[in-house]
Amino acid sequence: MKNRQEYLKNYRKNNKDKIKKYFQDNKKRLTSYRKKYYTGLYGSWYAMKQRCGNPKNKSYKNYGGRGITYDKNWESFDGFKEDMGDSYKKGLTLDRIDNNASYSKENCRWATRKVQANNQRKNILIKYKGKTLTESQWAEELGLKTHTLMFRRIRGWPLARRMTGTLERSAKL
């Protein structure tokens, strides 16, 4: 392995101009290939399959490793496109409504990154005045920065004070 690494390092060092020229000459082709196959509807389908079925994927432990699978109809892109293609809009990402359930037509929707960020297992849900929202949703509703609520929680502020209180500063002497 070390010999291969040394070989590649030397090759790159000795052929900088050649490598640079290759990427300049093929930039348009390489970029259009990536855009065509790894973005949009196809990209979402491909990424979902990788997360659920490829143990070498860095996100596998949070998906396939937890038993999250996808509808057998979605094994092919055509099946996925048939179920989800009509509602797809550019800029949206595939989101599971129930994070503990698998990918299926009934459990998936196209959502913005903001909606997805509020639909994660790691979110802290706060029930206040009969309403349950994530910490960042409460911050937005109260006109605070997300970090303000987080630091108040970390510092042990009681819930009522955390949601309504202001920072008290000591007077300078």
N, C-alpha and C. Protein backbone atom coordinates (compact mmCIF):
# COMPACT_ATOMS: atom_id res chain seq x y z
N MET A 1 0.83 -1.20 0.00
CA MET A 1 0.00 0.00 0.00
C MET A 1 0.87 1.25 0.00
N LYS A 2 1.94 1.21 0.78
CA LYS A 2 2.81 2.37 0.87
C LYS A 2 3.47 2.65 -0.48
N ASN A 3 3.85 1.61 -1.20
CA ASN A 3 4.47 1.78 -2.52
C ASN A 3 3.50 2.45 -3.49
N ARG A 4 2.24 2.05 -3.42
CA ARG A 4 1.23 2.65 -4.29
C ARG A 4 1.05 4.13 -3.96
N GLN A 5 0.99 4.46 -2.68
CA GLN A 5 0.84 5.86 -2.26
C GLN A 5 2.03 6.69 -2.73
N GLU A 6 3.21 6.14 -2.58
CA GLU A 6 4.41 6.86 -3.04
C GLU A 6 4.39 7.03 -4.56
N TYR A 7 3.96 5.98 -5.25
CA TYR A 7 3.89 6.05 -6.71
C TYR A 7 2.93 7.17 -7.14
N LEU A 8 1.72 7.19 -6.52
CA LEU A 8 0.73 8.22 -6.87
C LEU A 8 1.23 9.62 -6.54
N LYS A 9 1.89 9.74 -5.41
CA LYS A 9 2.42 11.04 -5.00
C LYS A 9 3.45 11.53 -6.04
N ASN A 10 4.35 10.64 -6.43
CA ASN A 10 5.37 11.00 -7.43
C ASN A 10 4.73 11.28 -8.78
N TYR A 11 3.74 10.48 -9.16
CA TYR A 11 3.08 10.67 -10.45
C TYR A 11 2.43 12.06 -10.50
N ARG A 12 1.70 12.41 -9.44
CA ARG A 12 1.05 13.72 -9.39
C ARG A 12 2.07 14.85 -9.44
N LYS A 13 3.16 14.65 -8.72
CA LYS A 13 4.22 15.67 -8.66
C LYS A 13 4.87 15.87 -10.03
N ASN A 14 5.15 14.78 -10.72
CA ASN A 14 5.85 14.85 -12.00
C ASN A 14 4.94 15.16 -13.19
N ASN A 15 3.62 15.03 -13.01
CA ASN A 15 2.70 15.22 -14.12
C ASN A 15 1.62 16.27 -13.83
N LYS A 16 1.97 17.28 -13.04
CA LYS A 16 1.01 18.31 -12.67
C LYS A 16 0.34 18.94 -13.89
N ASP A 17 1.15 19.33 -14.86
CA ASP A 17 0.62 20.01 -16.05
C ASP A 17 -0.31 19.09 -16.84
N LYS A 18 0.09 17.84 -16.97
CA LYS A 18 -0.70 16.86 -17.71
C LYS A 18 -2.06 16.65 -17.04
N ILE A 19 -2.08 16.52 -15.73
CA ILE A 19 -3.31 16.31 -14.97
C ILE A 19 -4.20 17.55 -15.06
N LYS A 20 -3.59 18.72 -14.90
CA LYS A 20 -4.33 19.98 -14.97
C LYS A 20 -5.00 20.13 -16.33
N LYS A 21 -4.27 19.83 -17.39
CA LYS A 21 -4.79 19.93 -18.75
C LYS A 21 -5.96 18.96 -18.95
N TYR A 22 -5.85 17.74 -18.44
CA TYR A 22 -6.93 16.76 -18.57
C TYR A 22 -8.22 17.30 -17.97
N PHE A 23 -8.14 17.85 -16.74
CA PHE A 23 -9.34 18.36 -16.09
C PHE A 23 -9.88 19.60 -16.77
N GLN A 24 -9.00 20.45 -17.31
CA GLN A 24 -9.47 21.63 -18.05
C GLN A 24 -10.19 21.20 -19.33
N ASP A 25 -9.61 20.25 -20.05
CA ASP A 25 -10.20 19.78 -21.30
C ASP A 25 -11.52 19.05 -21.09
N ASN A 26 -11.66 18.37 -19.96
CA ASN A 26 -12.83 17.53 -19.72
C ASN A 26 -13.78 18.09 -18.67
N LYS A 27 -13.56 19.34 -18.26
CA LYS A 27 -14.36 19.93 -17.19
C LYS A 27 -15.85 19.90 -17.52
N LYS A 28 -16.19 20.35 -18.71
CA LYS A 28 -17.60 20.40 -19.10
C LYS A 28 -18.21 19.01 -19.11
N ARG A 29 -17.52 18.04 -19.67
CA ARG A 29 -18.03 16.67 -19.73
C ARG A 29 -18.19 16.08 -18.34
N LEU A 30 -17.19 16.27 -17.47
CA LEU A 30 -17.24 15.71 -16.12
C LEU A 30 -18.34 16.37 -15.30
N THR A 31 -18.48 17.68 -15.42
CA THR A 31 -19.49 18.41 -14.67
C THR A 31 -20.89 18.02 -15.13
N SER A 32 -21.10 17.95 -16.45
CA SER A 32 -22.43 17.60 -16.94
C SER A 32 -22.79 16.17 -16.54
N TYR A 33 -21.82 15.26 -16.49
CA TYR A 33 -22.08 13.89 -16.06
C TYR A 33 -22.56 13.88 -14.62
N ARG A 34 -21.82 14.61 -13.75
CA ARG A 34 -22.20 14.65 -12.34
C ARG A 34 -23.58 15.27 -12.17
N LYS A 35 -23.84 16.37 -12.87
CA LYS A 35 -25.14 17.03 -12.76
C LYS A 35 -26.26 16.12 -13.23
N LYS A 36 -26.02 15.41 -14.31
CA LYS A 36 -27.06 14.56 -14.89
C LYS A 36 -27.39 13.39 -13.97
N TYR A 37 -26.38 12.79 -13.38
CA TYR A 37 -26.60 11.56 -12.65
C TYR A 37 -26.64 11.67 -11.13
N TYR A 38 -26.17 12.76 -10.57
CA TYR A 38 -26.11 12.81 -9.11
C TYR A 38 -26.80 14.02 -8.52
N THR A 39 -27.73 14.61 -9.24
CA THR A 39 -28.52 15.71 -8.70
C THR A 39 -29.98 15.45 -9.00
N GLY A 40 -30.84 16.25 -8.42
CA GLY A 40 -32.27 16.15 -8.69
C GLY A 40 -32.89 14.84 -8.26
N LEU A 41 -33.88 14.44 -9.01
CA LEU A 41 -34.65 13.24 -8.69
C LEU A 41 -33.78 11.99 -8.68
N TYR A 42 -32.95 11.84 -9.71
CA TYR A 42 -32.08 10.66 -9.78
C TYR A 42 -31.08 10.65 -8.62
N GLY A 43 -30.51 11.80 -8.32
CA GLY A 43 -29.54 11.89 -7.23
C GLY A 43 -30.15 11.52 -5.89
N SER A 44 -31.39 11.95 -5.65
CA SER A 44 -32.07 11.61 -4.39
C SER A 44 -32.30 10.11 -4.29
N TRP A 45 -32.72 9.51 -5.40
CA TRP A 45 -32.95 8.06 -5.42
C TRP A 45 -31.64 7.31 -5.19
N TYR A 46 -30.60 7.72 -5.89
CA TYR A 46 -29.31 7.05 -5.78
C TYR A 46 -28.75 7.17 -4.36
N ALA A 47 -28.83 8.35 -3.78
CA ALA A 47 -28.32 8.57 -2.41
C ALA A 47 -29.10 7.73 -1.40
N MET A 48 -30.43 7.65 -1.58
CA MET A 48 -31.25 6.84 -0.69
C MET A 48 -30.82 5.38 -0.74
N LYS A 49 -30.61 4.86 -1.95
CA LYS A 49 -30.19 3.46 -2.10
C LYS A 49 -28.83 3.22 -1.44
N GLN A 50 -27.92 4.18 -1.59
CA GLN A 50 -26.59 4.04 -0.99
C GLN A 50 -26.67 4.05 0.53
N ARG A 51 -27.44 4.98 1.10
CA ARG A 51 -27.56 5.07 2.57
C ARG A 51 -28.16 3.80 3.16
N CYS A 52 -29.12 3.21 2.45
CA CYS A 52 -29.81 2.03 2.98
C CYS A 52 -29.13 0.71 2.67
N GLY A 53 -28.42 0.64 1.55
CA GLY A 53 -27.93 -0.66 1.13
C GLY A 53 -26.44 -0.85 1.00
N ASN A 54 -25.65 0.21 1.19
CA ASN A 54 -24.21 0.09 1.01
C ASN A 54 -23.48 0.29 2.34
N PRO A 55 -23.01 -0.79 2.97
CA PRO A 55 -22.33 -0.68 4.27
C PRO A 55 -21.08 0.21 4.23
N LYS A 56 -20.54 0.48 3.04
CA LYS A 56 -19.36 1.35 2.94
C LYS A 56 -19.74 2.83 2.90
N ASN A 57 -21.03 3.14 2.75
CA ASN A 57 -21.49 4.52 2.73
C ASN A 57 -21.38 5.10 4.14
N LYS A 58 -20.90 6.34 4.25
CA LYS A 58 -20.67 6.92 5.58
C LYS A 58 -21.95 7.11 6.39
N SER A 59 -23.11 7.16 5.73
CA SER A 59 -24.38 7.32 6.44
C SER A 59 -25.11 6.01 6.67
N TYR A 60 -24.53 4.91 6.25
CA TYR A 60 -25.19 3.61 6.36
C TYR A 60 -25.61 3.30 7.81
N LYS A 61 -24.76 3.63 8.77
CA LYS A 61 -25.06 3.31 10.17
C LYS A 61 -26.36 3.97 10.65
N ASN A 62 -26.71 5.12 10.07
CA ASN A 62 -27.92 5.82 10.46
C ASN A 62 -29.15 5.42 9.65
N TYR A 63 -28.95 4.62 8.64
CA TYR A 63 -30.05 4.20 7.78
C TYR A 63 -30.11 2.68 7.71
N GLY A 64 -29.40 2.07 6.78
CA GLY A 64 -29.41 0.62 6.64
C GLY A 64 -29.01 -0.09 7.93
N GLY A 65 -28.06 0.48 8.66
CA GLY A 65 -27.61 -0.10 9.92
C GLY A 65 -28.68 -0.11 10.99
N ARG A 66 -29.67 0.78 10.87
CA ARG A 66 -30.79 0.84 11.82
C ARG A 66 -32.01 0.08 11.30
N GLY A 67 -31.86 -0.55 10.15
CA GLY A 67 -32.97 -1.32 9.59
C GLY A 67 -33.86 -0.52 8.65
N ILE A 68 -33.44 0.69 8.30
CA ILE A 68 -34.21 1.50 7.36
C ILE A 68 -33.98 0.93 5.95
N THR A 69 -35.06 0.61 5.27
CA THR A 69 -34.98 0.06 3.92
C THR A 69 -35.82 0.94 3.00
N TYR A 70 -36.04 0.48 1.79
CA TYR A 70 -36.90 1.21 0.87
C TYR A 70 -37.85 0.24 0.20
N ASP A 71 -38.94 0.77 -0.30
CA ASP A 71 -39.97 0.00 -0.99
C ASP A 71 -39.33 -0.83 -2.11
N LYS A 72 -39.73 -2.09 -2.23
CA LYS A 72 -39.13 -2.95 -3.27
C LYS A 72 -39.38 -2.40 -4.66
N ASN A 73 -40.44 -1.63 -4.83
CA ASN A 73 -40.75 -0.98 -6.10
C ASN A 73 -39.68 0.07 -6.45
N TRP A 74 -39.00 0.57 -5.44
CA TRP A 74 -37.99 1.62 -5.62
C TRP A 74 -36.61 1.05 -5.93
N GLU A 75 -36.51 -0.23 -6.11
CA GLU A 75 -35.22 -0.84 -6.48
C GLU A 75 -34.77 -0.26 -7.82
N SER A 76 -35.72 0.01 -8.69
CA SER A 76 -35.39 0.64 -9.97
C SER A 76 -35.77 2.11 -9.92
N PHE A 77 -35.06 2.92 -10.65
CA PHE A 77 -35.34 4.35 -10.69
C PHE A 77 -36.73 4.61 -11.25
N ASP A 78 -37.16 3.81 -12.20
CA ASP A 78 -38.49 4.00 -12.79
C ASP A 78 -39.61 3.85 -11.75
N GLY A 79 -39.48 2.87 -10.86
CA GLY A 79 -40.47 2.68 -9.80
C GLY A 79 -40.51 3.87 -8.85
N PHE A 80 -39.32 4.38 -8.50
CA PHE A 80 -39.21 5.55 -7.63
C PHE A 80 -39.83 6.77 -8.32
N LYS A 81 -39.50 6.94 -9.58
CA LYS A 81 -40.00 8.09 -10.35
C LYS A 81 -41.52 8.04 -10.48
N GLU A 82 -42.04 6.86 -10.66
CA GLU A 82 -43.50 6.68 -10.77
C GLU A 82 -44.21 7.14 -9.49
N ASP A 83 -43.64 6.80 -8.33
CA ASP A 83 -44.26 7.15 -7.05
C ASP A 83 -44.00 8.59 -6.62
N MET A 84 -42.78 9.08 -6.83
CA MET A 84 -42.38 10.38 -6.26
C MET A 84 -42.12 11.48 -7.29
N GLY A 85 -42.02 11.12 -8.55
CA GLY A 85 -41.63 12.08 -9.58
C GLY A 85 -42.58 13.23 -9.79
N ASP A 86 -43.88 12.99 -9.66
CA ASP A 86 -44.87 14.05 -9.92
C ASP A 86 -44.77 15.21 -8.93
N SER A 87 -44.44 14.91 -7.69
CA SER A 87 -44.41 15.96 -6.67
C SER A 87 -43.03 16.60 -6.50
N TYR A 88 -42.04 16.14 -7.24
CA TYR A 88 -40.69 16.68 -7.11
C TYR A 88 -40.57 18.09 -7.69
N LYS A 89 -39.85 18.94 -6.96
CA LYS A 89 -39.52 20.28 -7.44
C LYS A 89 -38.04 20.51 -7.15
N LYS A 90 -37.37 21.21 -8.05
CA LYS A 90 -35.95 21.50 -7.88
C LYS A 90 -35.72 22.22 -6.55
N GLY A 91 -34.67 21.81 -5.86
CA GLY A 91 -34.32 22.44 -4.58
C GLY A 91 -34.86 21.71 -3.36
N LEU A 92 -35.75 20.74 -3.58
CA LEU A 92 -36.29 19.97 -2.45
C LEU A 92 -35.52 18.67 -2.31
N THR A 93 -35.56 18.10 -1.12
CA THR A 93 -34.86 16.84 -0.86
C THR A 93 -35.84 15.81 -0.32
N LEU A 94 -35.49 14.56 -0.47
CA LEU A 94 -36.34 13.45 -0.03
C LEU A 94 -36.32 13.37 1.49
N ASP A 95 -37.50 13.38 2.10
CA ASP A 95 -37.62 13.40 3.55
C ASP A 95 -38.58 12.31 3.99
N ARG A 96 -38.20 11.57 5.03
CA ARG A 96 -39.11 10.58 5.62
C ARG A 96 -39.91 11.26 6.72
N ILE A 97 -41.20 11.15 6.69
CA ILE A 97 -42.07 11.79 7.67
C ILE A 97 -41.82 11.18 9.05
N ASP A 98 -41.80 9.85 9.13
CA ASP A 98 -41.45 9.14 10.37
C ASP A 98 -40.02 8.64 10.21
N ASN A 99 -39.12 9.19 11.00
CA ASN A 99 -37.69 8.86 10.86
C ASN A 99 -37.35 7.43 11.22
N ASN A 100 -38.24 6.73 11.88
CA ASN A 100 -37.95 5.35 12.26
C ASN A 100 -38.56 4.35 11.29
N ALA A 101 -39.28 4.85 10.29
CA ALA A 101 -39.89 3.97 9.28
C ALA A 101 -39.06 4.03 8.00
N SER A 102 -39.28 3.06 7.15
CA SER A 102 -38.52 2.97 5.91
C SER A 102 -39.03 3.93 4.84
N TYR A 103 -38.28 4.00 3.75
CA TYR A 103 -38.67 4.84 2.62
C TYR A 103 -39.82 4.16 1.87
N SER A 104 -40.92 4.87 1.70
CA SER A 104 -42.05 4.39 0.91
C SER A 104 -42.86 5.61 0.47
N LYS A 105 -43.74 5.40 -0.47
CA LYS A 105 -44.56 6.51 -0.97
C LYS A 105 -45.36 7.15 0.16
N GLU A 106 -45.86 6.34 1.08
CA GLU A 106 -46.68 6.83 2.19
C GLU A 106 -45.86 7.59 3.23
N ASN A 107 -44.59 7.27 3.37
CA ASN A 107 -43.76 7.87 4.42
C ASN A 107 -42.79 8.92 3.90
N CYS A 108 -42.82 9.24 2.62
CA CYS A 108 -41.86 10.19 2.06
C CYS A 108 -42.55 11.41 1.48
N ARG A 109 -41.83 12.50 1.49
CA ARG A 109 -42.29 13.75 0.89
C ARG A 109 -41.07 14.51 0.42
N TRP A 110 -41.29 15.51 -0.39
CA TRP A 110 -40.21 16.41 -0.82
C TRP A 110 -40.26 17.61 0.11
N ALA A 111 -39.12 17.92 0.74
CA ALA A 111 -39.10 18.98 1.74
C ALA A 111 -37.89 19.89 1.55
N THR A 112 -37.99 21.08 2.10
CA THR A 112 -36.86 22.01 2.08
C THR A 112 -35.85 21.55 3.12
N ARG A 113 -34.66 22.09 3.05
CA ARG A 113 -33.62 21.73 4.04
C ARG A 113 -34.05 22.16 5.45
N LYS A 114 -34.76 23.27 5.55
CA LYS A 114 -35.22 23.76 6.85
C LYS A 114 -36.22 22.78 7.48
N VAL A 115 -37.15 22.30 6.68
CA VAL A 115 -38.13 21.32 7.17
C VAL A 115 -37.41 20.05 7.59
N GLN A 116 -36.45 19.61 6.78
CA GLN A 116 -35.68 18.41 7.12
C GLN A 116 -34.89 18.59 8.40
N ALA A 117 -34.33 19.76 8.60
CA ALA A 117 -33.54 20.01 9.81
C ALA A 117 -34.40 19.90 11.06
N ASN A 118 -35.69 20.21 10.94
CA ASN A 118 -36.59 20.10 12.07
C ASN A 118 -37.21 18.72 12.21
N ASN A 119 -36.84 17.80 11.33
CA ASN A 119 -37.36 16.43 11.36
C ASN A 119 -36.22 15.44 11.52
N GLN A 120 -35.40 15.66 12.54
CA GLN A 120 -34.27 14.77 12.81
C GLN A 120 -34.41 14.14 14.19
N ARG A 121 -33.84 12.96 14.33
CA ARG A 121 -33.90 12.26 15.63
C ARG A 121 -33.21 13.05 16.73
N LYS A 122 -32.15 13.76 16.38
CA LYS A 122 -31.35 14.44 17.40
C LYS A 122 -31.97 15.73 17.92
N ASN A 123 -33.06 16.19 17.31
CA ASN A 123 -33.69 17.44 17.73
C ASN A 123 -34.23 17.34 19.15
N ILE A 124 -34.18 18.45 19.85
CA ILE A 124 -34.74 18.53 21.18
C ILE A 124 -36.12 19.15 21.06
N LEU A 125 -37.14 18.40 21.48
CA LEU A 125 -38.50 18.88 21.42
C LEU A 125 -38.87 19.53 22.74
N ILE A 126 -39.51 20.68 22.67
CA ILE A 126 -39.91 21.42 23.87
C ILE A 126 -41.42 21.60 23.83
N LYS A 127 -42.08 21.17 24.92
CA LYS A 127 -43.52 21.39 25.04
C LYS A 127 -43.70 22.59 25.95
N TYR A 128 -44.34 23.62 25.41
CA TYR A 128 -44.53 24.86 26.14
C TYR A 128 -45.88 25.45 25.74
N LYS A 129 -46.68 25.80 26.72
CA LYS A 129 -48.02 26.35 26.49
C LYS A 129 -48.85 25.46 25.56
N GLY A 130 -48.75 24.14 25.77
CA GLY A 130 -49.55 23.18 25.02
C GLY A 130 -49.10 22.93 23.58
N LYS A 131 -47.94 23.45 23.21
CA LYS A 131 -47.44 23.33 21.84
C LYS A 131 -46.07 22.68 21.88
N THR A 132 -45.83 21.69 21.03
CA THR A 132 -44.54 21.01 20.97
C THR A 132 -43.83 21.37 19.67
N LEU A 133 -42.65 21.97 19.82
CA LEU A 133 -41.82 22.36 18.68
C LEU A 133 -40.37 22.03 18.99
N THR A 134 -39.54 22.04 17.94
CA THR A 134 -38.10 21.87 18.18
C THR A 134 -37.54 23.16 18.77
N GLU A 135 -36.36 23.05 19.33
CA GLU A 135 -35.72 24.22 19.93
C GLU A 135 -35.54 25.35 18.91
N SER A 136 -35.15 25.02 17.70
CA SER A 136 -34.95 26.07 16.69
C SER A 136 -36.29 26.67 16.23
N GLN A 137 -37.35 25.86 16.19
CA GLN A 137 -38.66 26.40 15.84
C GLN A 137 -39.16 27.35 16.91
N TRP A 138 -38.92 26.99 18.20
CA TRP A 138 -39.31 27.89 19.28
C TRP A 138 -38.51 29.19 19.20
N ALA A 139 -37.24 29.10 18.92
CA ALA A 139 -36.41 30.30 18.82
C ALA A 139 -36.97 31.22 17.74
N GLU A 140 -37.32 30.66 16.60
CA GLU A 140 -37.88 31.46 15.51
C GLU A 140 -39.20 32.10 15.93
N GLU A 141 -40.05 31.32 16.59
CA GLU A 141 -41.35 31.83 17.02
C GLU A 141 -41.22 32.93 18.07
N LEU A 142 -40.22 32.80 18.95
CA LEU A 142 -40.03 33.80 20.01
C LEU A 142 -39.15 34.97 19.59
N GLY A 143 -38.60 34.89 18.38
CA GLY A 143 -37.74 35.96 17.91
C GLY A 143 -36.35 35.94 18.54
N LEU A 144 -35.90 34.75 18.91
CA LEU A 144 -34.58 34.59 19.52
C LEU A 144 -33.66 33.85 18.56
N LYS A 145 -32.38 33.88 18.86
CA LYS A 145 -31.43 33.07 18.12
C LYS A 145 -31.47 31.66 18.70
N THR A 146 -31.28 30.66 17.85
CA THR A 146 -31.32 29.27 18.29
C THR A 146 -30.32 29.03 19.42
N HIS A 147 -29.13 29.61 19.29
CA HIS A 147 -28.10 29.41 20.30
C HIS A 147 -28.50 30.00 21.65
N THR A 148 -29.31 31.04 21.65
CA THR A 148 -29.76 31.63 22.91
C THR A 148 -30.54 30.60 23.71
N LEU A 149 -31.51 29.94 23.06
CA LEU A 149 -32.28 28.92 23.78
C LEU A 149 -31.40 27.74 24.19
N MET A 150 -30.49 27.36 23.31
CA MET A 150 -29.61 26.23 23.61
C MET A 150 -28.75 26.54 24.84
N PHE A 151 -28.14 27.71 24.89
CA PHE A 151 -27.29 28.05 26.02
C PHE A 151 -28.09 28.19 27.31
N ARG A 152 -29.30 28.70 27.21
CA ARG A 152 -30.16 28.79 28.40
C ARG A 152 -30.47 27.39 28.93
N ARG A 153 -30.73 26.45 28.02
CA ARG A 153 -30.99 25.06 28.43
C ARG A 153 -29.75 24.46 29.08
N ILE A 154 -28.60 24.65 28.44
CA ILE A 154 -27.35 24.09 28.96
C ILE A 154 -27.03 24.65 30.34
N ARG A 155 -27.33 25.94 30.54
CA ARG A 155 -27.07 26.58 31.84
C ARG A 155 -28.08 26.21 32.91
N GLY A 156 -29.10 25.44 32.52
CA GLY A 156 -30.06 24.93 33.50
C GLY A 156 -31.21 25.87 33.81
N TRP A 157 -31.49 26.82 32.93
CA TRP A 157 -32.62 27.72 33.17
C TRP A 157 -33.92 26.92 33.19
N PRO A 158 -34.84 27.25 34.11
CA PRO A 158 -36.16 26.60 34.08
C PRO A 158 -36.88 26.95 32.77
N LEU A 159 -37.77 26.08 32.34
CA LEU A 159 -38.41 26.24 31.03
C LEU A 159 -39.08 27.60 30.85
N ALA A 160 -39.88 28.04 31.83
CA ALA A 160 -40.61 29.31 31.68
C ALA A 160 -39.63 30.47 31.51
N ARG A 161 -38.56 30.49 32.27
CA ARG A 161 -37.57 31.56 32.17
C ARG A 161 -36.80 31.47 30.85
N ARG A 162 -36.52 30.24 30.44
CA ARG A 162 -35.79 30.01 29.20
C ARG A 162 -36.56 30.60 28.00
N MET A 163 -37.89 30.47 28.05
CA MET A 163 -38.71 30.90 26.92
C MET A 163 -39.06 32.38 26.97
N THR A 164 -38.97 33.01 28.13
CA THR A 164 -39.37 34.42 28.23
C THR A 164 -38.30 35.33 28.79
N GLY A 165 -37.35 34.76 29.50
CA GLY A 165 -36.35 35.57 30.19
C GLY A 165 -35.37 36.28 29.28
N THR A 166 -34.72 37.25 29.83
CA THR A 166 -33.66 37.94 29.11
C THR A 166 -32.38 37.76 29.91
N LEU A 167 -31.28 37.97 29.26
CA LEU A 167 -30.00 37.84 29.95
C LEU A 167 -29.84 39.02 30.92
N GLU A 168 -29.46 38.68 32.13
CA GLU A 168 -29.23 39.72 33.12
C GLU A 168 -27.74 39.99 33.20
N ARG A 169 -27.38 41.22 33.05
CA ARG A 169 -25.96 41.58 33.09
C ARG A 169 -25.71 42.35 34.38
N SER A 170 -24.62 42.06 35.01
CA SER A 170 -24.28 42.79 36.23
C SER A 170 -23.72 44.15 35.86
N ALA A 171 -24.02 45.10 36.69
CA ALA A 171 -23.56 46.47 36.43
C ALA A 171 -22.06 46.53 36.62
N LYS A 172 -21.40 47.32 35.77
CA LYS A 172 -19.94 47.47 35.90
C LYS A 172 -19.65 48.44 37.06
N LEU A 173 -18.69 48.09 37.84
CA LEU A 173 -18.32 48.94 38.99
C LEU A 173 -17.33 49.98 38.59
